[in-house]
Amino acid sequence: MAKPDNRADNDVHLQEHINHTLAKLHAAEEYLNEHAEELSAKDKQDIETKNERRKESINAFISEKRDESQK
């Protein structure tokens, strides 16, 4: 039997995702700043690329949170 669709706590879950992703983004930026000279060009690019995806995810979470608050 399928669970009923309960979206009452979506706002909370979305905020948790935003906070978690922001924490990962900042940790990666700090790591890059502290260890950039030790990393290969590929490793630096990989971290920067992943952070760009994180920023896109954060924007998507914020947009979804706005949509949820209007319902």
PDB file of N, CA and C in Angstrom:
ATOM      1  N   MET A   1       0.841  -1.183   0.000  1.00  0.00           N
ATOM      2  CA  MET A   1       0.000   0.000   0.000  1.00  0.00           C
ATOM      3  C   MET A   1       0.887   1.248   0.000  1.00  0.00           C
ATOM      4  N   ALA A   2       0.575   2.179  -0.865  1.00  0.00           N
ATOM      5  CA  ALA A   2       1.360   3.402  -0.997  1.00  0.00           C
ATOM      6  C   ALA A   2       1.099   4.343   0.169  1.00  0.00           C
ATOM      7  N   LYS A   3       2.139   5.044   0.565  1.00  0.00           N
ATOM      8  CA  LYS A   3       1.995   6.041   1.624  1.00  0.00           C
ATOM      9  C   LYS A   3       1.273   7.264   1.064  1.00  0.00           C
ATOM     10  N   PRO A   4       0.475   7.923   1.880  1.00  0.00           N
ATOM     11  CA  PRO A   4      -0.170   9.156   1.411  1.00  0.00           C
ATOM     12  C   PRO A   4       0.888  10.234   1.165  1.00  0.00           C
ATOM     13  N   ASP A   5       0.608  11.109   0.225  1.00  0.00           N
ATOM     14  CA  ASP A   5       1.533  12.176  -0.135  1.00  0.00           C
ATOM     15  C   ASP A   5       1.421  13.300   0.886  1.00  0.00           C
ATOM     16  N   ASN A   6       2.373  13.351   1.818  1.00  0.00           N
ATOM     17  CA  ASN A   6       2.364  14.370   2.859  1.00  0.00           C
ATOM     18  C   ASN A   6       3.514  15.337   2.608  1.00  0.00           C
ATOM     19  N   ARG A   7       3.164  16.545   2.204  1.00  0.00           N
ATOM     20  CA  ARG A   7       4.184  17.548   1.893  1.00  0.00           C
ATOM     21  C   ARG A   7       4.300  18.598   2.985  1.00  0.00           C
ATOM     22  N   ALA A   8       3.767  18.328   4.139  1.00  0.00           N
ATOM     23  CA  ALA A   8       3.758  19.303   5.219  1.00  0.00           C
ATOM     24  C   ALA A   8       5.164  19.713   5.646  1.00  0.00           C
ATOM     25  N   ASP A   9       6.109  18.796   5.565  1.00  0.00           N
ATOM     26  CA  ASP A   9       7.458  19.114   6.030  1.00  0.00           C
ATOM     27  C   ASP A   9       8.451  19.314   4.885  1.00  0.00           C
ATOM     28  N   ASN A  10       7.958  19.514   3.681  1.00  0.00           N
ATOM     29  CA  ASN A  10       8.857  19.724   2.539  1.00  0.00           C
ATOM     30  C   ASN A  10       9.751  20.940   2.742  1.00  0.00           C
ATOM     31  N   ASP A  11       9.197  21.999   3.312  1.00  0.00           N
ATOM     32  CA  ASP A  11       9.960  23.219   3.541  1.00  0.00           C
ATOM     33  C   ASP A  11      11.174  22.928   4.426  1.00  0.00           C
ATOM     34  N   VAL A  12      10.956  22.138   5.452  1.00  0.00           N
ATOM     35  CA  VAL A  12      12.037  21.781   6.376  1.00  0.00           C
ATOM     36  C   VAL A  12      13.093  20.941   5.657  1.00  0.00           C
ATOM     37  N   HIS A  13      12.648  19.969   4.905  1.00  0.00           N
ATOM     38  CA  HIS A  13      13.581  19.105   4.181  1.00  0.00           C
ATOM     39  C   HIS A  13      14.379  19.890   3.136  1.00  0.00           C
ATOM     40  N   LEU A  14      13.726  20.781   2.433  1.00  0.00           N
ATOM     41  CA  LEU A  14      14.421  21.588   1.436  1.00  0.00           C
ATOM     42  C   LEU A  14      15.472  22.474   2.101  1.00  0.00           C
ATOM     43  N   GLN A  15      15.130  23.057   3.251  1.00  0.00           N
ATOM     44  CA  GLN A  15      16.097  23.894   3.958  1.00  0.00           C
ATOM     45  C   GLN A  15      17.291  23.059   4.434  1.00  0.00           C
ATOM     46  N   GLU A  16      17.031  21.838   4.872  1.00  0.00           N
ATOM     47  CA  GLU A  16      18.130  20.943   5.273  1.00  0.00           C
ATOM     48  C   GLU A  16      19.047  20.656   4.085  1.00  0.00           C
ATOM     49  N   HIS A  17      18.464  20.438   2.918  1.00  0.00           N
ATOM     50  CA  HIS A  17      19.260  20.190   1.707  1.00  0.00           C
ATOM     51  C   HIS A  17      20.086  21.425   1.348  1.00  0.00           C
ATOM     52  N   ILE A  18      19.482  22.592   1.460  1.00  0.00           N
ATOM     53  CA  ILE A  18      20.198  23.837   1.174  1.00  0.00           C
ATOM     54  C   ILE A  18      21.381  23.986   2.130  1.00  0.00           C
ATOM     55  N   ASN A  19      21.131  23.804   3.421  1.00  0.00           N
ATOM     56  CA  ASN A  19      22.185  23.954   4.424  1.00  0.00           C
ATOM     57  C   ASN A  19      23.318  22.954   4.198  1.00  0.00           C
ATOM     58  N   HIS A  20      22.965  21.714   3.926  1.00  0.00           N
ATOM     59  CA  HIS A  20      23.962  20.669   3.716  1.00  0.00           C
ATOM     60  C   HIS A  20      24.816  20.971   2.477  1.00  0.00           C
ATOM     61  N   THR A  21      24.163  21.374   1.399  1.00  0.00           N
ATOM     62  CA  THR A  21      24.877  21.659   0.162  1.00  0.00           C
ATOM     63  C   THR A  21      25.768  22.888   0.321  1.00  0.00           C
ATOM     64  N   LEU A  22      25.286  23.897   1.037  1.00  0.00           N
ATOM     65  CA  LEU A  22      26.109  25.079   1.307  1.00  0.00           C
ATOM     66  C   LEU A  22      27.345  24.708   2.126  1.00  0.00           C
ATOM     67  N   ALA A  23      27.164  23.842   3.108  1.00  0.00           N
ATOM     68  CA  ALA A  23      28.291  23.410   3.938  1.00  0.00           C
ATOM     69  C   ALA A  23      29.335  22.693   3.090  1.00  0.00           C
ATOM     70  N   LYS A  24      28.888  21.816   2.199  1.00  0.00           N
ATOM     71  CA  LYS A  24      29.809  21.103   1.309  1.00  0.00           C
ATOM     72  C   LYS A  24      30.525  22.074   0.367  1.00  0.00           C
ATOM     73  N   LEU A  25      29.792  23.050  -0.146  1.00  0.00           N
ATOM     74  CA  LEU A  25      30.356  24.055  -1.037  1.00  0.00           C
ATOM     75  C   LEU A  25      31.459  24.838  -0.323  1.00  0.00           C
ATOM     76  N   HIS A  26      31.167  25.315   0.878  1.00  0.00           N
ATOM     77  CA  HIS A  26      32.148  26.096   1.635  1.00  0.00           C
ATOM     78  C   HIS A  26      33.357  25.254   2.030  1.00  0.00           C
ATOM     79  N   ALA A  27      33.125  24.010   2.410  1.00  0.00           N
ATOM     80  CA  ALA A  27      34.238  23.126   2.771  1.00  0.00           C
ATOM     81  C   ALA A  27      35.152  22.895   1.573  1.00  0.00           C
ATOM     82  N   ALA A  28      34.572  22.701   0.416  1.00  0.00           N
ATOM     83  CA  ALA A  28      35.370  22.485  -0.797  1.00  0.00           C
ATOM     84  C   ALA A  28      36.137  23.747  -1.169  1.00  0.00           C
ATOM     85  N   GLU A  29      35.507  24.910  -1.016  1.00  0.00           N
ATOM     86  CA  GLU A  29      36.192  26.167  -1.310  1.00  0.00           C
ATOM     87  C   GLU A  29      37.367  26.386  -0.356  1.00  0.00           C
ATOM     88  N   GLU A  30      37.156  26.107   0.924  1.00  0.00           N
ATOM     89  CA  GLU A  30      38.235  26.231   1.906  1.00  0.00           C
ATOM     90  C   GLU A  30      39.384  25.284   1.572  1.00  0.00           C
ATOM     91  N   TYR A  31      39.039  24.052   1.238  1.00  0.00           N
ATOM     92  CA  TYR A  31      40.054  23.068   0.884  1.00  0.00           C
ATOM     93  C   TYR A  31      40.853  23.540  -0.326  1.00  0.00           C
ATOM     94  N   LEU A  32      40.148  24.052  -1.314  1.00  0.00           N
ATOM     95  CA  LEU A  32      40.803  24.539  -2.529  1.00  0.00           C
ATOM     96  C   LEU A  32      41.732  25.713  -2.209  1.00  0.00           C
ATOM     97  N   ASN A  33      41.266  26.620  -1.360  1.00  0.00           N
ATOM     98  CA  ASN A  33      42.089  27.773  -0.988  1.00  0.00           C
ATOM     99  C   ASN A  33      43.340  27.358  -0.212  1.00  0.00           C
ATOM    100  N   GLU A  34      43.205  26.368   0.646  1.00  0.00           N
ATOM    101  CA  GLU A  34      44.322  25.947   1.485  1.00  0.00           C
ATOM    102  C   GLU A  34      45.304  25.019   0.771  1.00  0.00           C
ATOM    103  N   HIS A  35      44.824  24.253  -0.207  1.00  0.00           N
ATOM    104  CA  HIS A  35      45.654  23.220  -0.815  1.00  0.00           C
ATOM    105  C   HIS A  35      45.788  23.344  -2.329  1.00  0.00           C
ATOM    106  N   ALA A  36      45.456  24.482  -2.875  1.00  0.00           N
ATOM    107  CA  ALA A  36      45.460  24.648  -4.331  1.00  0.00           C
ATOM    108  C   ALA A  36      46.822  24.329  -4.949  1.00  0.00           C
ATOM    109  N   GLU A  37      47.872  24.747  -4.287  1.00  0.00           N
ATOM    110  CA  GLU A  37      49.199  24.521  -4.864  1.00  0.00           C
ATOM    111  C   GLU A  37      49.596  23.048  -4.837  1.00  0.00           C
ATOM    112  N   GLU A  38      48.954  22.252  -4.000  1.00  0.00           N
ATOM    113  CA  GLU A  38      49.266  20.823  -3.896  1.00  0.00           C
ATOM    114  C   GLU A  38      48.443  19.975  -4.874  1.00  0.00           C
ATOM    115  N   LEU A  39      47.408  20.569  -5.453  1.00  0.00           N
ATOM    116  CA  LEU A  39      46.486  19.822  -6.311  1.00  0.00           C
ATOM    117  C   LEU A  39      46.897  19.921  -7.772  1.00  0.00           C
ATOM    118  N   SER A  40      46.571  18.872  -8.504  1.00  0.00           N
ATOM    119  CA  SER A  40      46.796  18.914  -9.949  1.00  0.00           C
ATOM    120  C   SER A  40      45.735  19.823 -10.583  1.00  0.00           C
ATOM    121  N   ALA A  41      45.991  20.239 -11.779  1.00  0.00           N
ATOM    122  CA  ALA A  41      45.035  21.086 -12.501  1.00  0.00           C
ATOM    123  C   ALA A  41      43.697  20.367 -12.659  1.00  0.00           C
ATOM    124  N   LYS A  42      43.741  19.071 -12.900  1.00  0.00           N
ATOM    125  CA  LYS A  42      42.514  18.288 -13.055  1.00  0.00           C
ATOM    126  C   LYS A  42      41.727  18.249 -11.749  1.00  0.00           C
ATOM    127  N   ASP A  43      42.423  18.037 -10.619  1.00  0.00           N
ATOM    128  CA  ASP A  43      41.741  17.996  -9.326  1.00  0.00           C
ATOM    129  C   ASP A  43      41.092  19.336  -9.004  1.00  0.00           C
ATOM    130  N   LYS A  44      41.802  20.428  -9.285  1.00  0.00           N
ATOM    131  CA  LYS A  44      41.233  21.763  -9.057  1.00  0.00           C
ATOM    132  C   LYS A  44      39.994  21.955  -9.914  1.00  0.00           C
ATOM    133  N   GLN A  45      40.090  21.570 -11.181  1.00  0.00           N
ATOM    134  CA  GLN A  45      38.957  21.717 -12.094  1.00  0.00           C
ATOM    135  C   GLN A  45      37.777  20.868 -11.638  1.00  0.00           C
ATOM    136  N   ASP A  46      38.053  19.661 -11.169  1.00  0.00           N
ATOM    137  CA  ASP A  46      36.983  18.777 -10.682  1.00  0.00           C
ATOM    138  C   ASP A  46      36.241  19.408  -9.500  1.00  0.00           C
ATOM    139  N   ILE A  47      36.994  20.000  -8.569  1.00  0.00           N
ATOM    140  CA  ILE A  47      36.377  20.642  -7.400  1.00  0.00           C
ATOM    141  C   ILE A  47      35.556  21.852  -7.838  1.00  0.00           C
ATOM    142  N   GLU A  48      36.117  22.654  -8.731  1.00  0.00           N
ATOM    143  CA  GLU A  48      35.392  23.829  -9.211  1.00  0.00           C
ATOM    144  C   GLU A  48      34.125  23.441  -9.968  1.00  0.00           C
ATOM    145  N   THR A  49      34.204  22.398 -10.767  1.00  0.00           N
ATOM    146  CA  THR A  49      33.034  21.913 -11.509  1.00  0.00           C
ATOM    147  C   THR A  49      31.961  21.412 -10.550  1.00  0.00           C
ATOM    148  N   LYS A  50      32.380  20.659  -9.550  1.00  0.00           N
ATOM    149  CA  LYS A  50      31.420  20.139  -8.571  1.00  0.00           C
ATOM    150  C   LYS A  50      30.769  21.294  -7.810  1.00  0.00           C
ATOM    151  N   ASN A  51      31.544  22.311  -7.481  1.00  0.00           N
ATOM    152  CA  ASN A  51      30.969  23.455  -6.783  1.00  0.00           C
ATOM    153  C   ASN A  51      29.977  24.209  -7.653  1.00  0.00           C
ATOM    154  N   GLU A  52      30.214  24.272  -8.942  1.00  0.00           N
ATOM    155  CA  GLU A  52      29.237  24.896  -9.833  1.00  0.00           C
ATOM    156  C   GLU A  52      27.925  24.119  -9.814  1.00  0.00           C
ATOM    157  N   ARG A  53      28.018  22.792  -9.814  1.00  0.00           N
ATOM    158  CA  ARG A  53      26.803  21.964  -9.724  1.00  0.00           C
ATOM    159  C   ARG A  53      26.115  22.175  -8.377  1.00  0.00           C
ATOM    160  N   ARG A  54      26.898  22.327  -7.323  1.00  0.00           N
ATOM    161  CA  ARG A  54      26.313  22.593  -6.005  1.00  0.00           C
ATOM    162  C   ARG A  54      25.547  23.910  -6.012  1.00  0.00           C
ATOM    163  N   LYS A  55      26.125  24.937  -6.618  1.00  0.00           N
ATOM    164  CA  LYS A  55      25.444  26.233  -6.699  1.00  0.00           C
ATOM    165  C   LYS A  55      24.138  26.109  -7.477  1.00  0.00           C
ATOM    166  N   GLU A  56      24.157  25.347  -8.554  1.00  0.00           N
ATOM    167  CA  GLU A  56      22.928  25.124  -9.324  1.00  0.00           C
ATOM    168  C   GLU A  56      21.890  24.387  -8.476  1.00  0.00           C
ATOM    169  N   SER A  57      22.334  23.416  -7.706  1.00  0.00           N
ATOM    170  CA  SER A  57      21.423  22.669  -6.841  1.00  0.00           C
ATOM    171  C   SER A  57      20.814  23.574  -5.784  1.00  0.00           C
ATOM    172  N   ILE A  58      21.638  24.417  -5.193  1.00  0.00           N
ATOM    173  CA  ILE A  58      21.140  25.345  -4.172  1.00  0.00           C
ATOM    174  C   ILE A  58      20.069  26.244  -4.769  1.00  0.00           C
ATOM    175  N   ASN A  59      20.330  26.780  -5.951  1.00  0.00           N
ATOM    176  CA  ASN A  59      19.334  27.640  -6.608  1.00  0.00           C
ATOM    177  C   ASN A  59      18.046  26.874  -6.889  1.00  0.00           C
ATOM    178  N   ALA A  60      18.177  25.623  -7.298  1.00  0.00           N
ATOM    179  CA  ALA A  60      16.986  24.807  -7.563  1.00  0.00           C
ATOM    180  C   ALA A  60      16.218  24.534  -6.266  1.00  0.00           C
ATOM    181  N   PHE A  61      16.933  24.249  -5.183  1.00  0.00           N
ATOM    182  CA  PHE A  61      16.265  24.029  -3.893  1.00  0.00           C
ATOM    183  C   PHE A  61      15.529  25.281  -3.443  1.00  0.00           C
ATOM    184  N   ILE A  62      16.172  26.437  -3.604  1.00  0.00           N
ATOM    185  CA  ILE A  62      15.539  27.695  -3.209  1.00  0.00           C
ATOM    186  C   ILE A  62      14.283  27.943  -4.040  1.00  0.00           C
ATOM    187  N   SER A  63      14.370  27.693  -5.321  1.00  0.00           N
ATOM    188  CA  SER A  63      13.209  27.865  -6.198  1.00  0.00           C
ATOM    189  C   SER A  63      12.079  26.918  -5.796  1.00  0.00           C
ATOM    190  N   GLU A  64      12.435  25.674  -5.517  1.00  0.00           N
ATOM    191  CA  GLU A  64      11.421  24.702  -5.103  1.00  0.00           C
ATOM    192  C   GLU A  64      10.808  25.095  -3.763  1.00  0.00           C
ATOM    193  N   LYS A  65      11.634  25.618  -2.867  1.00  0.00           N
ATOM    194  CA  LYS A  65      11.131  26.067  -1.553  1.00  0.00           C
ATOM    195  C   LYS A  65      10.129  27.212  -1.735  1.00  0.00           C
ATOM    196  N   ARG A  66      10.443  28.143  -2.634  1.00  0.00           N
ATOM    197  CA  ARG A  66       9.510  29.227  -2.917  1.00  0.00           C
ATOM    198  C   ARG A  66       8.187  28.697  -3.448  1.00  0.00           C
ATOM    199  N   ASP A  67       8.280  27.733  -4.381  1.00  0.00           N
ATOM    200  CA  ASP A  67       7.075  27.127  -4.942  1.00  0.00           C
ATOM    201  C   ASP A  67       6.246  26.455  -3.858  1.00  0.00           C
ATOM    202  N   GLU A  68       6.902  25.739  -2.969  1.00  0.00           N
ATOM    203  CA  GLU A  68       6.202  25.050  -1.876  1.00  0.00           C
ATOM    204  C   GLU A  68       5.514  26.046  -0.946  1.00  0.00           C
ATOM    205  N   SER A  69       6.150  27.178  -0.700  1.00  0.00           N
ATOM    206  CA  SER A  69       5.573  28.162   0.233  1.00  0.00           C
ATOM    207  C   SER A  69       4.358  28.854  -0.360  1.00  0.00           C
ATOM    208  N   GLN A  70       4.219  28.827  -1.681  1.00  0.00           N
ATOM    209  CA  GLN A  70       3.080  29.472  -2.334  1.00  0.00           C
ATOM    210  C   GLN A  70       1.866  28.550  -2.431  1.00  0.00           C
ATOM    211  N   LYS A  71       2.040  27.295  -2.041  1.00  0.00           N
ATOM    212  CA  LYS A  71       0.923  26.328  -2.134  1.00  0.00           C
ATOM    213  C   LYS A  71       0.066  26.387  -0.909  1.00  0.00           C
TER     214      LYS A  71
END
